[in-house]
N, C-alpha and C. Protein backbone atom coordinates (compact mmCIF):
# COMPACT_ATOMS: atom_id res chain seq x y z
N UNK A 1 13.79 137.63 141.20
CA UNK A 1 14.69 136.80 140.96
C UNK A 1 14.48 135.42 141.60
N UNK A 2 14.68 134.31 140.89
CA UNK A 2 14.41 132.97 141.32
C UNK A 2 15.89 132.34 142.00
N UNK A 3 16.15 131.13 141.48
CA UNK A 3 17.33 130.46 141.89
C UNK A 3 18.50 130.76 140.83
N UNK A 4 19.68 130.46 141.09
CA UNK A 4 20.79 130.27 140.15
C UNK A 4 21.19 128.89 140.08
N UNK A 5 21.10 128.39 138.84
CA UNK A 5 21.66 127.06 138.60
C UNK A 5 22.89 127.17 137.71
N UNK A 6 24.03 126.77 138.31
CA UNK A 6 25.37 126.80 137.68
C UNK A 6 25.93 125.38 137.31
N UNK A 7 26.03 125.28 135.97
CA UNK A 7 26.08 123.91 135.41
C UNK A 7 27.50 123.76 134.88
N UNK A 8 28.02 122.47 135.14
CA UNK A 8 29.30 121.99 134.76
C UNK A 8 29.40 121.79 133.37
N UNK A 9 30.69 121.30 132.83
CA UNK A 9 30.95 121.20 131.37
C UNK A 9 29.88 120.52 130.70
N UNK A 10 29.25 121.01 129.76
CA UNK A 10 28.02 120.54 128.99
C UNK A 10 28.38 119.73 127.75
N UNK A 11 29.33 120.16 126.86
CA UNK A 11 29.89 119.51 125.68
C UNK A 11 28.78 118.99 124.77
N UNK A 12 27.56 119.79 124.52
CA UNK A 12 26.51 119.58 123.65
C UNK A 12 25.93 118.35 124.07
N UNK A 13 25.73 118.15 125.29
CA UNK A 13 24.86 116.93 125.87
C UNK A 13 23.56 117.50 126.28
N UNK A 14 22.67 117.64 125.13
CA UNK A 14 21.48 118.35 125.39
C UNK A 14 20.47 117.58 126.17
N UNK A 15 20.39 116.25 125.86
CA UNK A 15 19.58 115.40 126.66
C UNK A 15 19.64 115.37 128.18
N UNK A 16 20.96 115.42 128.35
CA UNK A 16 21.27 115.49 129.96
C UNK A 16 20.90 116.79 130.59
N UNK A 17 21.19 117.72 129.78
CA UNK A 17 20.94 119.34 130.36
C UNK A 17 19.29 119.40 130.45
N UNK A 18 18.59 118.99 129.60
CA UNK A 18 17.16 118.91 129.68
C UNK A 18 16.86 118.12 130.79
N UNK A 19 17.28 117.07 131.00
CA UNK A 19 16.94 116.17 132.32
C UNK A 19 17.21 116.90 133.49
N UNK A 20 18.46 117.46 133.51
CA UNK A 20 18.96 118.16 134.88
C UNK A 20 17.92 119.40 135.00
N UNK A 21 17.61 120.20 134.08
CA UNK A 21 16.54 121.30 134.30
C UNK A 21 15.22 120.70 134.75
N UNK A 22 14.72 119.68 134.15
CA UNK A 22 13.46 119.11 134.63
C UNK A 22 13.56 118.71 136.03
N UNK A 23 14.62 118.06 136.38
CA UNK A 23 14.79 117.50 137.78
C UNK A 23 14.79 118.66 138.83
N UNK A 24 15.38 119.72 138.40
CA UNK A 24 15.39 120.88 139.51
C UNK A 24 14.12 121.79 139.30
N UNK A 25 13.40 121.61 138.25
CA UNK A 25 12.11 122.39 138.12
C UNK A 25 12.49 123.78 137.62
N UNK A 26 13.39 123.74 136.66
CA UNK A 26 13.79 125.15 136.20
C UNK A 26 12.68 125.82 135.49
N UNK A 27 12.53 127.19 135.77
CA UNK A 27 11.54 128.00 135.33
C UNK A 27 12.24 129.27 134.94
N UNK A 28 11.48 130.11 134.15
CA UNK A 28 11.95 131.28 133.54
C UNK A 28 12.17 132.48 134.63
N UNK A 29 11.91 132.09 135.84
CA UNK A 29 12.36 132.92 137.01
C UNK A 29 13.88 132.59 137.53
N UNK A 30 14.13 131.40 137.04
CA UNK A 30 15.54 130.90 137.44
C UNK A 30 16.45 131.60 136.48
N UNK A 31 17.85 131.62 137.06
CA UNK A 31 19.10 131.98 136.19
C UNK A 31 19.82 130.68 135.88
N UNK A 32 20.10 130.54 134.53
CA UNK A 32 21.06 129.54 134.09
C UNK A 32 22.47 129.98 133.88
N UNK A 33 23.49 129.64 134.48
CA UNK A 33 24.79 129.89 134.21
C UNK A 33 25.72 128.63 133.98
N UNK A 34 26.71 128.68 133.19
CA UNK A 34 27.46 127.53 132.55
C UNK A 34 28.86 127.95 132.88
N UNK A 35 29.64 126.85 133.17
CA UNK A 35 31.16 127.15 133.32
C UNK A 35 31.99 127.11 132.13
N UNK A 36 31.45 127.03 130.86
CA UNK A 36 32.09 126.82 129.66
C UNK A 36 32.20 125.37 129.20
N UNK A 37 32.85 125.29 128.03
CA UNK A 37 32.88 124.12 127.30
C UNK A 37 31.51 123.59 127.01
N UNK A 38 30.70 124.44 126.30
CA UNK A 38 29.40 124.38 126.05
C UNK A 38 29.14 123.28 124.99
N UNK A 39 30.17 123.18 123.98
CA UNK A 39 30.09 122.34 122.86
C UNK A 39 31.31 121.63 122.65
N UNK A 40 31.24 120.76 121.53
CA UNK A 40 32.51 120.02 121.12
C UNK A 40 32.44 118.74 121.79
N UNK A 41 32.63 117.75 121.05
CA UNK A 41 32.74 116.24 121.61
C UNK A 41 31.17 115.54 121.78
N UNK A 42 30.29 116.51 121.94
CA UNK A 42 28.99 115.83 122.42
C UNK A 42 28.15 115.81 121.02
N UNK A 43 26.82 115.40 121.15
CA UNK A 43 26.11 115.10 119.95
C UNK A 43 25.24 116.18 119.43
N UNK A 44 24.91 117.28 120.05
CA UNK A 44 23.99 118.29 119.59
C UNK A 44 24.38 119.80 119.93
N UNK A 45 25.47 120.28 119.18
CA UNK A 45 25.91 121.56 119.45
C UNK A 45 25.00 122.55 119.07
N UNK A 46 24.25 122.50 118.00
CA UNK A 46 23.34 123.67 117.50
C UNK A 46 22.03 123.62 118.45
N UNK A 47 21.43 122.45 118.72
CA UNK A 47 20.23 122.48 119.67
C UNK A 47 20.67 122.90 120.93
N UNK A 48 21.94 122.58 121.49
CA UNK A 48 22.31 123.02 122.81
C UNK A 48 22.43 124.39 122.98
N UNK A 49 23.15 125.25 122.03
CA UNK A 49 23.24 126.69 121.95
C UNK A 49 21.79 127.26 121.71
N UNK A 50 21.09 126.72 120.91
CA UNK A 50 19.66 127.32 120.91
C UNK A 50 18.90 127.31 122.00
N UNK A 51 19.01 126.22 122.90
CA UNK A 51 18.33 126.20 124.11
C UNK A 51 18.92 127.26 125.21
N UNK A 52 20.22 127.33 125.14
CA UNK A 52 20.87 128.33 126.14
C UNK A 52 20.36 129.77 125.72
N UNK A 53 20.44 129.89 124.53
CA UNK A 53 19.99 131.24 123.97
C UNK A 53 18.55 131.53 124.28
N UNK A 54 17.65 130.65 124.17
CA UNK A 54 16.18 130.69 124.39
C UNK A 54 16.01 131.01 125.78
N UNK A 55 16.71 130.51 126.66
CA UNK A 55 16.40 130.72 128.11
C UNK A 55 17.35 131.77 128.75
N UNK A 56 18.03 132.46 127.94
CA UNK A 56 18.92 133.56 128.38
C UNK A 56 20.03 133.26 129.22
N UNK A 57 20.64 132.15 128.96
CA UNK A 57 21.67 131.69 129.96
C UNK A 57 22.87 132.48 129.62
N UNK A 58 23.83 132.55 130.81
CA UNK A 58 24.96 133.15 130.76
C UNK A 58 26.14 132.07 130.94
N UNK A 59 27.17 132.42 130.42
CA UNK A 59 28.36 131.39 130.25
C UNK A 59 29.66 132.12 130.36
N UNK A 60 30.64 131.34 130.77
CA UNK A 60 32.12 131.87 130.52
C UNK A 60 32.75 131.01 129.42
N UNK A 61 33.85 131.57 128.88
CA UNK A 61 34.46 130.99 127.83
C UNK A 61 35.37 129.75 128.23
N UNK A 62 35.20 128.68 127.77
CA UNK A 62 36.00 127.53 128.09
C UNK A 62 37.16 127.20 127.00
N UNK A 63 38.06 126.26 127.26
CA UNK A 63 39.16 126.21 126.28
C UNK A 63 38.51 125.75 125.06
N UNK A 64 37.42 125.00 125.02
CA UNK A 64 36.88 124.47 123.72
C UNK A 64 36.35 125.73 122.87
N UNK A 65 35.64 126.61 123.70
CA UNK A 65 35.39 127.82 122.81
C UNK A 65 36.48 128.50 122.37
N UNK A 66 37.56 128.63 123.12
CA UNK A 66 38.88 129.37 122.74
C UNK A 66 39.35 128.70 121.53
N UNK A 67 39.48 127.42 121.48
CA UNK A 67 39.95 126.53 120.16
C UNK A 67 38.98 126.91 119.05
N UNK A 68 37.68 126.80 119.33
CA UNK A 68 36.94 126.84 118.10
C UNK A 68 37.11 128.33 117.48
N UNK A 69 37.11 129.29 118.20
CA UNK A 69 37.44 130.57 117.75
C UNK A 69 38.66 130.74 116.89
N UNK A 70 39.74 130.07 117.53
CA UNK A 70 41.07 130.23 116.76
C UNK A 70 41.03 129.31 115.62
N UNK A 71 40.32 128.16 115.59
CA UNK A 71 40.21 127.57 114.30
C UNK A 71 39.48 128.18 113.33
N UNK A 72 38.46 128.84 113.50
CA UNK A 72 37.59 129.52 112.66
C UNK A 72 38.29 130.54 112.05
N UNK A 73 39.28 131.29 113.00
CA UNK A 73 39.96 132.47 112.35
C UNK A 73 41.31 132.06 111.69
N UNK A 74 41.43 130.69 111.47
CA UNK A 74 42.81 130.23 111.10
C UNK A 74 44.06 130.25 111.80
N UNK A 75 43.82 130.39 113.04
CA UNK A 75 45.07 130.67 114.00
C UNK A 75 45.59 129.25 114.44
N UNK A 76 44.71 128.12 114.23
CA UNK A 76 45.26 126.67 114.52
C UNK A 76 44.35 125.84 113.63
N UNK A 77 45.02 124.56 113.24
CA UNK A 77 44.27 123.76 112.36
C UNK A 77 42.96 123.13 113.02
N UNK A 78 42.00 122.96 112.26
CA UNK A 78 40.85 122.50 112.58
C UNK A 78 40.98 121.05 113.04
N UNK A 79 40.63 120.80 114.34
CA UNK A 79 40.66 119.34 114.84
C UNK A 79 39.58 118.48 114.58
N UNK A 80 39.72 117.29 114.68
CA UNK A 80 38.62 116.21 114.28
C UNK A 80 37.38 116.48 115.03
N UNK A 81 37.62 116.76 116.60
CA UNK A 81 36.36 116.97 117.45
C UNK A 81 35.65 118.02 117.15
N UNK A 82 36.45 119.19 116.66
CA UNK A 82 35.80 120.54 116.42
C UNK A 82 35.03 120.65 115.03
N UNK A 83 35.45 119.88 113.98
CA UNK A 83 34.95 119.99 112.67
C UNK A 83 33.42 120.10 112.61
N UNK A 84 32.88 118.75 113.26
CA UNK A 84 31.46 118.63 113.11
C UNK A 84 30.63 119.83 113.93
N UNK A 85 31.27 120.28 114.90
CA UNK A 85 30.71 121.48 115.68
C UNK A 85 30.82 122.60 114.70
N UNK A 86 31.86 122.98 114.18
CA UNK A 86 31.99 124.22 113.29
C UNK A 86 30.97 124.14 112.11
N UNK A 87 30.77 123.09 111.59
CA UNK A 87 29.81 122.89 110.46
C UNK A 87 28.44 123.08 110.88
N UNK A 88 28.14 122.95 112.23
CA UNK A 88 26.84 122.90 112.64
C UNK A 88 26.29 124.28 113.07
N UNK A 89 27.26 125.13 113.34
CA UNK A 89 27.10 126.41 114.07
C UNK A 89 26.45 127.50 112.98
N UNK A 90 25.52 128.42 113.46
CA UNK A 90 25.14 129.40 112.62
C UNK A 90 25.81 130.73 113.00
N UNK A 91 25.49 131.89 112.55
CA UNK A 91 26.02 133.06 112.92
C UNK A 91 25.61 133.40 114.39
N UNK A 92 24.23 133.22 114.77
CA UNK A 92 23.78 133.51 115.99
C UNK A 92 24.57 132.80 117.20
N UNK A 93 25.20 131.49 116.85
CA UNK A 93 25.85 130.77 117.75
C UNK A 93 27.24 131.21 117.97
N UNK A 94 27.90 131.69 116.86
CA UNK A 94 29.18 132.26 116.88
C UNK A 94 29.30 133.45 117.50
N UNK A 95 28.18 134.34 117.37
CA UNK A 95 28.07 135.66 118.07
C UNK A 95 27.93 135.39 119.70
N UNK A 96 27.30 134.35 120.04
CA UNK A 96 27.16 133.91 121.40
C UNK A 96 28.56 133.44 121.97
N UNK A 97 29.22 132.65 121.28
CA UNK A 97 30.56 132.28 121.78
C UNK A 97 31.37 133.45 121.79
N UNK A 98 31.36 134.29 120.79
CA UNK A 98 32.40 135.38 120.94
C UNK A 98 32.07 136.37 122.02
N UNK A 99 30.95 136.33 122.58
CA UNK A 99 30.44 137.26 123.62
C UNK A 99 30.82 136.84 125.00
N UNK A 100 31.15 135.55 125.01
CA UNK A 100 31.48 134.89 126.44
C UNK A 100 32.63 135.44 127.06
N UNK A 101 32.51 135.85 128.29
CA UNK A 101 33.63 136.51 129.09
C UNK A 101 34.44 135.45 129.63
N UNK A 102 35.61 135.86 130.16
CA UNK A 102 36.59 134.91 130.89
C UNK A 102 36.11 134.66 132.34
N UNK A 103 35.33 135.44 132.91
CA UNK A 103 34.77 135.17 134.30
C UNK A 103 33.57 135.89 134.47
N UNK A 104 32.69 135.44 135.33
CA UNK A 104 31.45 136.05 135.68
C UNK A 104 31.33 136.18 137.29
N UNK A 105 31.03 137.29 137.78
CA UNK A 105 30.90 137.44 139.35
C UNK A 105 29.32 137.53 139.59
N UNK A 106 28.89 136.52 140.42
CA UNK A 106 27.68 136.61 140.80
C UNK A 106 27.73 137.08 142.32
N UNK A 107 27.67 138.31 142.40
CA UNK A 107 27.96 138.94 143.66
C UNK A 107 26.89 138.65 144.74
N UNK A 108 25.67 138.36 144.43
CA UNK A 108 24.53 138.02 145.47
C UNK A 108 24.82 136.63 146.03
N UNK A 109 25.54 135.83 145.39
CA UNK A 109 26.09 134.54 145.93
C UNK A 109 27.53 134.65 146.44
N UNK A 110 28.15 135.68 146.37
CA UNK A 110 29.61 135.46 146.65
C UNK A 110 30.41 134.65 145.82
N UNK A 111 30.01 134.39 144.50
CA UNK A 111 30.79 133.42 143.61
C UNK A 111 31.15 134.01 142.38
N UNK A 112 32.42 133.48 141.95
CA UNK A 112 33.03 133.76 140.83
C UNK A 112 33.00 132.57 139.93
N UNK A 113 32.41 132.65 138.67
CA UNK A 113 32.51 131.64 137.64
C UNK A 113 33.62 131.67 136.76
N UNK A 114 34.41 130.71 136.65
CA UNK A 114 35.54 130.59 135.55
C UNK A 114 35.57 129.35 134.99
N UNK A 115 36.16 129.04 133.95
CA UNK A 115 36.13 127.63 133.21
C UNK A 115 37.07 126.80 134.14
N UNK A 116 38.36 127.19 133.96
CA UNK A 116 39.28 126.15 134.52
C UNK A 116 39.79 126.52 135.95
N UNK A 117 40.03 127.82 136.31
CA UNK A 117 40.57 128.17 137.61
C UNK A 117 41.26 129.23 137.56
N UNK A 118 42.02 129.52 138.78
CA UNK A 118 42.85 130.82 138.88
C UNK A 118 44.40 130.44 139.70
N UNK A 119 45.09 131.28 139.36
CA UNK A 119 46.35 131.15 140.22
C UNK A 119 45.95 131.73 141.61
N UNK A 120 46.27 130.81 142.64
CA UNK A 120 45.78 131.45 143.96
C UNK A 120 46.65 132.65 144.44
N UNK A 121 45.99 133.64 144.97
CA UNK A 121 46.78 134.69 145.43
C UNK A 121 46.90 135.87 144.43
N UNK A 122 46.55 135.59 143.22
CA UNK A 122 46.67 136.74 142.08
C UNK A 122 45.28 137.13 141.82
N UNK A 123 45.16 138.65 141.99
CA UNK A 123 43.92 139.18 141.58
C UNK A 123 43.41 138.84 140.09
N UNK A 124 42.03 138.66 139.95
CA UNK A 124 41.44 138.14 138.80
C UNK A 124 41.90 138.96 137.68
N UNK A 125 42.05 140.20 137.85
CA UNK A 125 42.45 141.14 136.53
C UNK A 125 43.92 140.98 136.27
N UNK A 126 44.69 140.27 137.04
CA UNK A 126 46.11 140.02 136.67
C UNK A 126 46.21 138.60 136.18
N UNK A 127 45.22 137.72 136.28
CA UNK A 127 45.32 136.41 135.67
C UNK A 127 45.49 136.35 134.14
N UNK A 128 46.31 135.57 133.70
CA UNK A 128 46.42 135.43 132.27
C UNK A 128 44.97 134.76 131.63
N UNK A 129 44.76 135.36 130.54
CA UNK A 129 43.58 134.59 129.96
C UNK A 129 43.55 133.15 129.90
N UNK A 130 44.78 132.57 129.38
CA UNK A 130 44.85 131.20 129.18
C UNK A 130 44.74 130.46 130.52
N UNK A 131 45.20 130.95 131.56
CA UNK A 131 45.19 130.51 132.86
C UNK A 131 43.68 130.18 133.20
N UNK A 132 42.73 131.03 133.11
CA UNK A 132 41.34 131.03 133.31
C UNK A 132 40.66 129.87 132.51
N UNK A 133 41.30 129.48 131.28
CA UNK A 133 40.58 128.54 130.66
C UNK A 133 41.27 127.08 130.52
N UNK A 134 42.52 127.21 131.22
CA UNK A 134 43.31 125.88 130.98
C UNK A 134 43.94 125.30 132.31
N UNK A 135 44.15 125.90 133.29
CA UNK A 135 44.83 125.65 134.44
C UNK A 135 44.21 124.38 135.18
N UNK A 136 45.04 123.40 135.64
CA UNK A 136 44.49 122.42 136.59
C UNK A 136 45.44 122.32 137.87
N UNK A 137 46.57 122.85 137.90
CA UNK A 137 47.35 122.68 139.02
C UNK A 137 48.19 123.83 139.11
N UNK A 138 49.26 124.02 140.14
CA UNK A 138 49.91 125.10 140.41
C UNK A 138 51.41 124.52 140.72
N UNK A 139 52.36 125.10 140.15
CA UNK A 139 53.93 124.67 140.44
C UNK A 139 54.18 125.48 141.53
N UNK A 140 55.46 124.93 142.34
CA UNK A 140 55.89 125.64 143.41
C UNK A 140 56.19 126.92 143.33
N UNK A 141 56.53 127.49 142.22
CA UNK A 141 56.76 128.97 142.07
C UNK A 141 55.52 129.75 141.66
N UNK A 142 54.47 129.01 141.71
CA UNK A 142 53.09 129.75 141.40
C UNK A 142 52.72 129.84 140.08
N UNK A 143 53.48 129.12 139.04
CA UNK A 143 53.03 128.94 137.60
C UNK A 143 51.97 127.99 137.40
N UNK A 144 50.90 128.38 136.54
CA UNK A 144 49.87 127.60 136.25
C UNK A 144 50.44 126.29 135.59
N UNK A 145 49.70 125.16 135.99
CA UNK A 145 50.04 123.94 135.10
C UNK A 145 48.70 123.47 134.52
N UNK A 146 49.04 123.01 133.18
CA UNK A 146 47.69 122.53 132.53
C UNK A 146 47.54 121.04 132.61
N UNK A 147 48.41 120.37 132.72
CA UNK A 147 48.25 118.77 132.91
C UNK A 147 47.71 118.49 134.16
N UNK A 148 47.19 117.24 134.21
CA UNK A 148 46.60 116.51 135.41
C UNK A 148 47.79 116.37 136.36
N UNK A 149 47.93 116.96 137.44
CA UNK A 149 49.00 116.70 138.48
C UNK A 149 48.65 117.34 139.76
N UNK A 150 49.32 117.19 140.84
CA UNK A 150 49.07 117.84 142.02
C UNK A 150 50.26 118.90 142.36
N UNK A 151 49.80 119.78 143.21
CA UNK A 151 48.35 120.17 143.71
C UNK A 151 47.50 120.83 142.76
N UNK A 152 46.22 120.44 142.75
CA UNK A 152 45.27 121.10 142.17
C UNK A 152 44.98 122.54 142.62
N UNK A 153 44.84 123.61 141.69
CA UNK A 153 44.72 124.91 142.38
C UNK A 153 43.86 125.12 143.35
N UNK A 154 42.66 124.51 143.40
CA UNK A 154 41.55 124.76 144.20
C UNK A 154 41.95 124.43 145.65
N UNK A 155 42.79 123.48 145.95
CA UNK A 155 43.26 123.08 147.12
C UNK A 155 43.92 124.22 147.88
N UNK A 156 44.62 125.04 147.09
CA UNK A 156 45.35 126.12 147.52
C UNK A 156 44.67 127.54 147.61
N UNK A 157 43.58 127.57 146.97
CA UNK A 157 43.03 129.02 146.70
C UNK A 157 42.13 129.19 147.99
N UNK A 158 42.35 130.49 148.37
CA UNK A 158 41.51 131.03 149.46
C UNK A 158 40.94 132.41 149.07
N UNK A 159 39.48 132.28 149.30
CA UNK A 159 38.72 133.35 148.97
C UNK A 159 38.48 134.31 150.10
N UNK A 160 37.48 135.27 150.06
CA UNK A 160 36.51 135.29 148.83
C UNK A 160 37.01 135.86 147.66
N UNK A 161 36.19 135.63 146.57
CA UNK A 161 34.98 134.99 146.39
C UNK A 161 35.21 133.34 146.26
N UNK A 162 34.07 132.65 146.35
CA UNK A 162 34.07 131.35 146.09
C UNK A 162 34.08 131.08 144.64
N UNK A 163 34.94 130.23 144.13
CA UNK A 163 35.03 130.03 142.64
C UNK A 163 34.52 128.79 142.24
N UNK A 164 33.55 128.79 141.35
CA UNK A 164 32.86 127.80 140.73
C UNK A 164 33.50 127.46 139.32
N UNK A 165 33.84 126.30 139.08
CA UNK A 165 34.74 126.04 137.72
C UNK A 165 34.48 124.55 137.23
N UNK A 166 35.03 124.41 136.11
CA UNK A 166 34.84 123.09 135.42
C UNK A 166 36.10 122.48 134.94
N UNK A 167 36.25 122.01 133.73
CA UNK A 167 37.53 121.72 132.90
C UNK A 167 38.25 120.47 133.31
N UNK A 168 38.26 120.24 134.68
CA UNK A 168 39.15 119.10 135.16
C UNK A 168 38.33 118.08 135.46
N UNK A 169 38.05 117.21 134.58
CA UNK A 169 36.76 116.25 134.69
C UNK A 169 37.21 115.19 135.65
N UNK A 170 36.49 114.77 136.75
CA UNK A 170 36.50 113.85 137.73
C UNK A 170 35.30 113.20 137.96
N UNK A 171 35.44 111.91 138.64
CA UNK A 171 34.22 111.11 138.82
C UNK A 171 33.13 111.76 139.68
N UNK A 172 33.79 112.71 140.61
CA UNK A 172 33.04 113.28 141.60
C UNK A 172 33.30 114.84 141.62
N UNK A 173 32.29 115.65 142.12
CA UNK A 173 32.64 117.06 141.97
C UNK A 173 33.99 117.33 143.01
N UNK A 174 34.74 118.41 142.83
CA UNK A 174 35.68 118.89 143.47
C UNK A 174 35.38 119.73 144.47
N UNK A 175 35.47 119.48 145.76
CA UNK A 175 34.98 120.29 146.78
C UNK A 175 36.08 120.72 147.58
N UNK A 176 36.39 122.07 147.61
CA UNK A 176 37.43 122.68 148.43
C UNK A 176 36.85 123.67 149.33
N UNK A 177 37.70 124.29 150.21
CA UNK A 177 37.08 125.30 151.09
C UNK A 177 36.54 126.43 150.37
N UNK A 178 37.09 126.91 149.23
CA UNK A 178 36.65 128.20 148.67
C UNK A 178 36.56 127.94 147.22
N UNK A 179 36.28 126.84 146.64
CA UNK A 179 36.32 126.46 145.21
C UNK A 179 35.42 125.13 145.09
N UNK A 180 34.60 125.17 144.01
CA UNK A 180 33.92 123.83 143.62
C UNK A 180 33.94 123.53 142.10
N UNK A 181 34.41 122.38 141.85
CA UNK A 181 34.42 121.88 140.52
C UNK A 181 33.27 121.06 140.18
N UNK A 182 32.61 121.39 138.99
CA UNK A 182 31.34 120.84 138.41
C UNK A 182 31.73 119.98 137.37
N UNK A 183 32.79 119.68 136.98
CA UNK A 183 32.97 118.89 135.69
C UNK A 183 33.10 117.40 135.99
N UNK A 184 31.95 116.66 135.96
CA UNK A 184 31.93 115.26 136.27
C UNK A 184 31.79 114.29 135.10
N UNK A 185 32.41 114.90 133.86
CA UNK A 185 32.57 113.99 132.69
C UNK A 185 31.41 113.39 131.93
N UNK A 186 30.29 114.38 131.90
CA UNK A 186 29.16 113.93 131.35
C UNK A 186 29.37 113.35 129.92
N UNK A 187 30.33 114.06 129.15
CA UNK A 187 30.37 113.60 127.68
C UNK A 187 31.14 112.37 127.65
N UNK A 188 31.73 111.92 128.76
CA UNK A 188 32.61 110.86 128.80
C UNK A 188 31.79 109.58 129.34
N UNK A 189 30.61 109.91 129.69
CA UNK A 189 29.71 108.70 130.22
C UNK A 189 29.66 108.97 131.63
N UNK A 190 29.88 110.07 132.32
CA UNK A 190 29.85 110.18 133.58
C UNK A 190 28.55 110.83 134.08
N UNK A 191 28.45 112.18 134.54
CA UNK A 191 27.35 112.84 135.11
C UNK A 191 27.44 114.37 134.56
N UNK A 192 26.22 115.00 134.65
CA UNK A 192 26.15 116.34 134.44
C UNK A 192 25.77 117.01 135.90
N UNK A 193 26.58 117.91 136.36
CA UNK A 193 26.48 118.26 137.76
C UNK A 193 26.24 119.79 137.76
N UNK A 194 25.35 120.14 138.72
CA UNK A 194 24.96 121.66 138.79
C UNK A 194 25.08 121.95 140.30
N UNK A 195 25.31 123.35 140.50
CA UNK A 195 25.20 123.87 141.88
C UNK A 195 23.85 124.77 141.79
N UNK A 196 22.90 124.59 142.72
CA UNK A 196 21.71 125.09 142.74
C UNK A 196 21.68 126.04 144.06
N UNK A 197 21.61 127.39 143.92
CA UNK A 197 21.44 128.29 145.04
C UNK A 197 20.28 129.08 144.97
N UNK A 198 19.68 129.12 145.90
CA UNK A 198 18.51 130.01 146.36
C UNK A 198 18.92 131.48 146.14
N UNK A 199 17.85 132.31 146.04
CA UNK A 199 18.04 133.77 145.95
C UNK A 199 18.89 134.19 147.00
N UNK A 200 20.03 134.80 146.95
CA UNK A 200 21.18 135.44 147.75
C UNK A 200 21.70 134.35 148.64
N UNK A 201 21.64 133.16 148.39
CA UNK A 201 22.38 131.91 149.04
C UNK A 201 23.90 131.95 148.71
N UNK A 202 24.64 131.68 149.68
CA UNK A 202 26.03 131.55 149.46
C UNK A 202 26.52 130.03 149.15
N UNK A 203 27.28 129.49 148.74
CA UNK A 203 27.65 128.05 148.61
C UNK A 203 27.88 127.53 150.18
N UNK A 204 27.23 126.39 150.48
CA UNK A 204 27.21 125.82 151.73
C UNK A 204 28.81 125.52 152.17
N UNK A 205 28.97 125.55 153.49
CA UNK A 205 30.43 125.13 153.92
C UNK A 205 30.83 123.78 153.45
N UNK A 206 32.04 123.51 153.52
CA UNK A 206 32.65 122.35 153.04
C UNK A 206 31.92 121.07 153.42
N UNK A 207 31.52 121.07 154.71
CA UNK A 207 30.98 119.68 155.03
C UNK A 207 29.53 119.43 154.45
N UNK A 208 28.86 120.48 154.13
CA UNK A 208 27.50 120.35 153.67
C UNK A 208 27.41 120.91 152.11
N UNK A 209 28.46 121.05 151.48
CA UNK A 209 28.58 121.56 150.14
C UNK A 209 27.65 120.82 149.20
N UNK A 210 27.75 119.50 149.26
CA UNK A 210 26.82 118.45 148.41
C UNK A 210 25.43 118.71 148.64
N UNK A 211 25.02 119.44 149.56
CA UNK A 211 23.60 119.56 149.63
C UNK A 211 23.14 120.56 148.54
N UNK A 212 23.96 121.38 147.89
CA UNK A 212 23.70 122.36 146.88
C UNK A 212 23.94 121.69 145.42
N UNK A 213 24.36 120.69 145.47
CA UNK A 213 24.73 119.72 144.09
C UNK A 213 23.74 118.84 143.69
N UNK A 214 23.50 118.88 142.30
CA UNK A 214 22.46 117.99 141.83
C UNK A 214 23.32 117.31 140.53
N UNK A 215 23.16 115.96 140.30
CA UNK A 215 23.80 115.49 139.26
C UNK A 215 22.79 114.48 138.59
N UNK A 216 23.03 114.45 137.08
CA UNK A 216 22.26 113.58 136.38
C UNK A 216 23.14 112.87 135.48
N UNK A 217 22.82 111.29 135.50
CA UNK A 217 23.80 110.56 134.77
C UNK A 217 23.76 110.57 133.22
N UNK A 218 24.76 110.50 132.54
CA UNK A 218 24.85 110.57 131.21
C UNK A 218 24.22 109.42 130.60
N UNK A 219 23.45 109.64 129.45
CA UNK A 219 22.82 108.48 128.71
C UNK A 219 23.82 107.53 128.25
N UNK A 220 24.83 107.87 127.90
CA UNK A 220 25.91 107.11 127.23
C UNK A 220 27.17 107.91 127.10
N UNK A 221 28.42 107.20 126.85
CA UNK A 221 29.67 108.06 126.61
C UNK A 221 29.59 108.49 125.16
N UNK A 222 29.79 109.63 124.96
CA UNK A 222 29.75 110.23 123.57
C UNK A 222 31.17 110.35 123.11
N UNK A 223 32.14 110.40 124.00
CA UNK A 223 33.68 110.48 123.46
C UNK A 223 34.37 109.84 124.51
N UNK A 224 35.64 109.52 124.31
CA UNK A 224 36.52 108.87 125.17
C UNK A 224 37.45 110.04 125.68
N UNK A 225 37.68 109.79 126.97
CA UNK A 225 38.64 110.83 127.60
C UNK A 225 40.09 110.93 127.33
């Protein structure tokens, strides 16, 4: 096994993904993992998923995948941002999206990958599925909060495992003691960020965490935040 490259919210920004993989020298020995929100809002949903399928990438289900499936199944109306994506997807893409788990454990790295986060102190199998895809903050009573507010859940979370997540786009990666947020708003004109871990490597301590992070600037803003 080579390295593990964990990539933040992609949103069909294939040019930036290809640039990031070229920058880190991605090879077939490496493992590509994504934190969800693979498509929607960005320019190339079909090509993006084809690339991920070609390299055998693994990913977790994001809130945008959750909505796509509900819209396809008639459980909610089709949104403006989702319509173009849904029209572009073929059967192989839907099958991939349907197969995405809510979390992935990368035991050799001591890492758990989820899309949005977790309620601190609650075992992973007791977390609500919606929490894993939509949480941003935590209320004083421990209830998950989906809007942007404080305190963000990662500040209160204590591992192990170390949680790598996306969803809550920020100009810079979110770096906490036991959690790292990789959504740096690529689709909004920010950056596409990844954590690169050598075989068996754990995420570095807080003070040196950035040494494991790589970012590529977006070519342009594809959507407004």
